[in-house]
Amino acid sequence: MGELQEIRIVGVRLNCRIGVPFRERRRPQTLELDLVLRGPWGSAALQDDLAETVDYGAVVHGTRAWAGQRSFQLLETFAERLALMLLDAHPSVVELEVVVRKYILPGVHHVEYRLKRTRTNRND
């Protein structure tokens, strides 16, 4: 396939209903995400053409809209389904990493879950 380039989107804040106890899911909570997207976008730099890469504005907008319409118990489920949605929505993304942070436990800065997916190891 050739060399992959990488786009990092760091510190995306979004609202989502998430948590094991129902009381946590009653109201949306703020999550923070880091997304690392990889794809064969070398020609985008040479041609200065958005059509040759992934539109990271669309990634962020789509991620926020998607998360705002759903409810999850586990960070793991959220991250897995988000990865699948992003791979489906953005065909030029070959590989991605998702980091999700939740700020819920007293005396703990955050809880974090990480995963990496490629088009060849999707669980669907």
C-alpha atoms as a PDB file:
ATOM      1  CA  MET A   1       0.000   0.000   0.000  1.00  0.00           C
ATOM      2  CA  GLY A   2       2.865   2.388   0.574  1.00  0.00           C
ATOM      3  CA  GLU A   3       3.599   4.758   3.401  1.00  0.00           C
ATOM      4  CA  LEU A   4       0.757   5.907   5.633  1.00  0.00           C
ATOM      5  CA  GLN A   5       0.405   9.448   6.864  1.00  0.00           C
ATOM      6  CA  GLU A   6      -1.135  10.339  10.206  1.00  0.00           C
ATOM      7  CA  ILE A   7      -3.606  12.955  11.390  1.00  0.00           C
ATOM      8  CA  ARG A   8      -3.994  13.409  15.156  1.00  0.00           C
ATOM      9  CA  ILE A   9      -7.082  15.097  16.572  1.00  0.00           C
ATOM     10  CA  VAL A  10      -6.382  15.739  20.238  1.00  0.00           C
ATOM     11  CA  GLY A  11      -8.710  16.746  23.061  1.00  0.00           C
ATOM     12  CA  VAL A  12     -12.089  16.486  21.337  1.00  0.00           C
ATOM     13  CA  ARG A  13     -14.772  17.189  23.930  1.00  0.00           C
ATOM     14  CA  LEU A  14     -18.232  15.786  23.394  1.00  0.00           C
ATOM     15  CA  ASN A  15     -21.333  14.872  25.346  1.00  0.00           C
ATOM     16  CA  CYS A  16     -22.613  11.328  25.641  1.00  0.00           C
ATOM     17  CA  ARG A  17     -24.831   9.329  27.943  1.00  0.00           C
ATOM     18  CA  ILE A  18     -22.447   6.809  29.423  1.00  0.00           C
ATOM     19  CA  GLY A  19     -22.100   4.808  32.636  1.00  0.00           C
ATOM     20  CA  VAL A  20     -23.072   1.508  34.178  1.00  0.00           C
ATOM     21  CA  PRO A  21     -25.533   2.900  36.751  1.00  0.00           C
ATOM     22  CA  PHE A  22     -28.612   4.477  35.181  1.00  0.00           C
ATOM     23  CA  ARG A  23     -28.050   7.636  37.249  1.00  0.00           C
ATOM     24  CA  GLU A  24     -24.842   8.210  35.268  1.00  0.00           C
ATOM     25  CA  ARG A  25     -26.696   7.868  31.971  1.00  0.00           C
ATOM     26  CA  ARG A  26     -29.589  10.154  32.954  1.00  0.00           C
ATOM     27  CA  ARG A  27     -27.724  13.208  31.724  1.00  0.00           C
ATOM     28  CA  PRO A  28     -24.988  13.477  29.135  1.00  0.00           C
ATOM     29  CA  GLN A  29     -21.434  13.547  30.454  1.00  0.00           C
ATOM     30  CA  THR A  30     -18.461  15.196  28.839  1.00  0.00           C
ATOM     31  CA  LEU A  31     -15.926  12.784  27.402  1.00  0.00           C
ATOM     32  CA  GLU A  32     -12.588  13.706  25.884  1.00  0.00           C
ATOM     33  CA  LEU A  33     -11.172  11.882  22.870  1.00  0.00           C
ATOM     34  CA  ASP A  34      -7.922  11.671  21.021  1.00  0.00           C
ATOM     35  CA  LEU A  35      -8.149  10.234  17.517  1.00  0.00           C
ATOM     36  CA  VAL A  36      -5.222   9.106  15.384  1.00  0.00           C
ATOM     37  CA  LEU A  37      -6.173   8.476  11.771  1.00  0.00           C
ATOM     38  CA  ARG A  38      -3.801   6.887   9.273  1.00  0.00           C
ATOM     39  CA  GLY A  39      -4.153   6.634   5.538  1.00  0.00           C
ATOM     40  CA  PRO A  40      -2.319   6.944   2.215  1.00  0.00           C
ATOM     41  CA  TRP A  41      -2.586  10.733   1.988  1.00  0.00           C
ATOM     42  CA  GLY A  42       0.825  11.681   0.658  1.00  0.00           C
ATOM     43  CA  SER A  43      -0.668  13.048  -2.573  1.00  0.00           C
ATOM     44  CA  ALA A  44      -2.844  15.454  -0.568  1.00  0.00           C
ATOM     45  CA  ALA A  45       0.262  17.356   0.534  1.00  0.00           C
ATOM     46  CA  LEU A  46       1.652  17.468  -2.983  1.00  0.00           C
ATOM     47  CA  GLN A  47      -1.628  18.563  -4.541  1.00  0.00           C
ATOM     48  CA  ASP A  48      -2.931  20.685  -1.618  1.00  0.00           C
ATOM     49  CA  ASP A  49      -6.280  18.928  -2.117  1.00  0.00           C
ATOM     50  CA  LEU A  50      -8.740  18.060   0.656  1.00  0.00           C
ATOM     51  CA  ALA A  51     -10.309  15.394  -1.548  1.00  0.00           C
ATOM     52  CA  GLU A  52      -7.031  13.431  -1.294  1.00  0.00           C
ATOM     53  CA  THR A  53      -7.103  13.171   2.519  1.00  0.00           C
ATOM     54  CA  VAL A  54      -9.593  12.875   5.361  1.00  0.00           C
ATOM     55  CA  ASP A  55     -11.607  15.937   6.374  1.00  0.00           C
ATOM     56  CA  TYR A  56     -10.847  16.159  10.092  1.00  0.00           C
ATOM     57  CA  GLY A  57     -13.584  18.762  10.573  1.00  0.00           C
ATOM     58  CA  ALA A  58     -16.095  16.234   9.266  1.00  0.00           C
ATOM     59  CA  VAL A  59     -14.583  13.573  11.547  1.00  0.00           C
ATOM     60  CA  VAL A  60     -15.088  15.755  14.627  1.00  0.00           C
ATOM     61  CA  HIS A  61     -18.566  16.924  13.633  1.00  0.00           C
ATOM     62  CA  GLY A  62     -19.689  13.386  12.779  1.00  0.00           C
ATOM     63  CA  THR A  63     -18.221  11.975  15.992  1.00  0.00           C
ATOM     64  CA  ARG A  64     -20.021  14.544  18.153  1.00  0.00           C
ATOM     65  CA  ALA A  65     -23.329  13.995  16.383  1.00  0.00           C
ATOM     66  CA  TRP A  66     -22.989  10.214  16.601  1.00  0.00           C
ATOM     67  CA  ALA A  67     -22.094  10.241  20.326  1.00  0.00           C
ATOM     68  CA  GLY A  68     -24.886  12.667  21.194  1.00  0.00           C
ATOM     69  CA  GLN A  69     -27.510  10.271  19.832  1.00  0.00           C
ATOM     70  CA  ARG A  70     -26.396   7.191  21.758  1.00  0.00           C
ATOM     71  CA  SER A  71     -26.152   5.707  25.228  1.00  0.00           C
ATOM     72  CA  PHE A  72     -23.483   3.303  26.480  1.00  0.00           C
ATOM     73  CA  GLN A  73     -22.607   1.574  29.704  1.00  0.00           C
ATOM     74  CA  LEU A  74     -18.908   0.993  29.005  1.00  0.00           C
ATOM     75  CA  LEU A  75     -16.088   3.122  27.624  1.00  0.00           C
ATOM     76  CA  GLU A  76     -14.928  -0.021  25.844  1.00  0.00           C
ATOM     77  CA  THR A  77     -18.217  -0.292  23.924  1.00  0.00           C
ATOM     78  CA  PHE A  78     -18.196   3.408  23.105  1.00  0.00           C
ATOM     79  CA  ALA A  79     -14.647   3.233  21.704  1.00  0.00           C
ATOM     80  CA  GLU A  80     -15.237   0.048  19.713  1.00  0.00           C
ATOM     81  CA  ARG A  81     -18.415   1.320  18.066  1.00  0.00           C
ATOM     82  CA  LEU A  82     -16.870   4.714  17.397  1.00  0.00           C
ATOM     83  CA  ALA A  83     -13.929   3.052  15.643  1.00  0.00           C
ATOM     84  CA  LEU A  84     -16.281   1.017  13.453  1.00  0.00           C
ATOM     85  CA  MET A  85     -18.354   4.094  12.603  1.00  0.00           C
ATOM     86  CA  LEU A  86     -15.264   6.096  11.649  1.00  0.00           C
ATOM     87  CA  LEU A  87     -13.880   3.318   9.461  1.00  0.00           C
ATOM     88  CA  ASP A  88     -17.250   3.024   7.717  1.00  0.00           C
ATOM     89  CA  ALA A  89     -17.715   6.782   7.289  1.00  0.00           C
ATOM     90  CA  HIS A  90     -14.185   7.543   6.083  1.00  0.00           C
ATOM     91  CA  PRO A  91     -12.997   4.968   3.526  1.00  0.00           C
ATOM     92  CA  SER A  92      -9.526   6.497   3.175  1.00  0.00           C
ATOM     93  CA  VAL A  93      -8.781   5.787   6.848  1.00  0.00           C
ATOM     94  CA  VAL A  94      -6.837   2.517   6.907  1.00  0.00           C
ATOM     95  CA  GLU A  95      -5.965   2.441  10.587  1.00  0.00           C
ATOM     96  CA  LEU A  96      -7.063   4.381  13.640  1.00  0.00           C
ATOM     97  CA  GLU A  97      -6.519   4.738  17.347  1.00  0.00           C
ATOM     98  CA  VAL A  98      -9.142   5.963  19.792  1.00  0.00           C
ATOM     99  CA  VAL A  99      -8.432   7.209  23.306  1.00  0.00           C
ATOM    100  CA  VAL A 100     -11.475   8.005  25.467  1.00  0.00           C
ATOM    101  CA  ARG A 101     -11.245   9.810  28.790  1.00  0.00           C
ATOM    102  CA  LYS A 102     -14.023  10.029  31.352  1.00  0.00           C
ATOM    103  CA  TYR A 103     -13.870  12.355  34.355  1.00  0.00           C
ATOM    104  CA  ILE A 104     -16.102  10.640  36.907  1.00  0.00           C
ATOM    105  CA  LEU A 105     -14.248   9.243  39.919  1.00  0.00           C
ATOM    106  CA  PRO A 106     -13.588  11.507  42.911  1.00  0.00           C
ATOM    107  CA  GLY A 107      -9.873  11.943  43.573  1.00  0.00           C
ATOM    108  CA  VAL A 108      -8.937  10.556  40.125  1.00  0.00           C
ATOM    109  CA  HIS A 109      -8.032  12.821  37.237  1.00  0.00           C
ATOM    110  CA  HIS A 110      -9.649  10.538  34.642  1.00  0.00           C
ATOM    111  CA  VAL A 111     -10.273   6.991  33.485  1.00  0.00           C
ATOM    112  CA  GLU A 112      -8.907   6.226  30.023  1.00  0.00           C
ATOM    113  CA  TYR A 113      -9.523   3.486  27.481  1.00  0.00           C
ATOM    114  CA  ARG A 114      -7.448   2.986  24.303  1.00  0.00           C
ATOM    115  CA  LEU A 115      -7.858   0.859  21.215  1.00  0.00           C
ATOM    116  CA  LYS A 116      -6.341   0.487  17.773  1.00  0.00           C
ATOM    117  CA  ARG A 117      -8.223  -0.846  14.758  1.00  0.00           C
ATOM    118  CA  THR A 118      -7.390  -1.465  11.129  1.00  0.00           C
ATOM    119  CA  ARG A 119      -9.585  -2.456   8.257  1.00  0.00           C
ATOM    120  CA  THR A 120      -8.200  -5.986   8.553  1.00  0.00           C
ATOM    121  CA  ASN A 121      -8.941  -6.570  12.267  1.00  0.00           C
ATOM    122  CA  ARG A 122     -12.448  -5.142  12.580  1.00  0.00           C
ATOM    123  CA  ASN A 123     -14.762  -7.215  14.749  1.00  0.00           C
ATOM    124  CA  ASP A 124     -17.825  -7.021  12.515  1.00  0.00           C
END
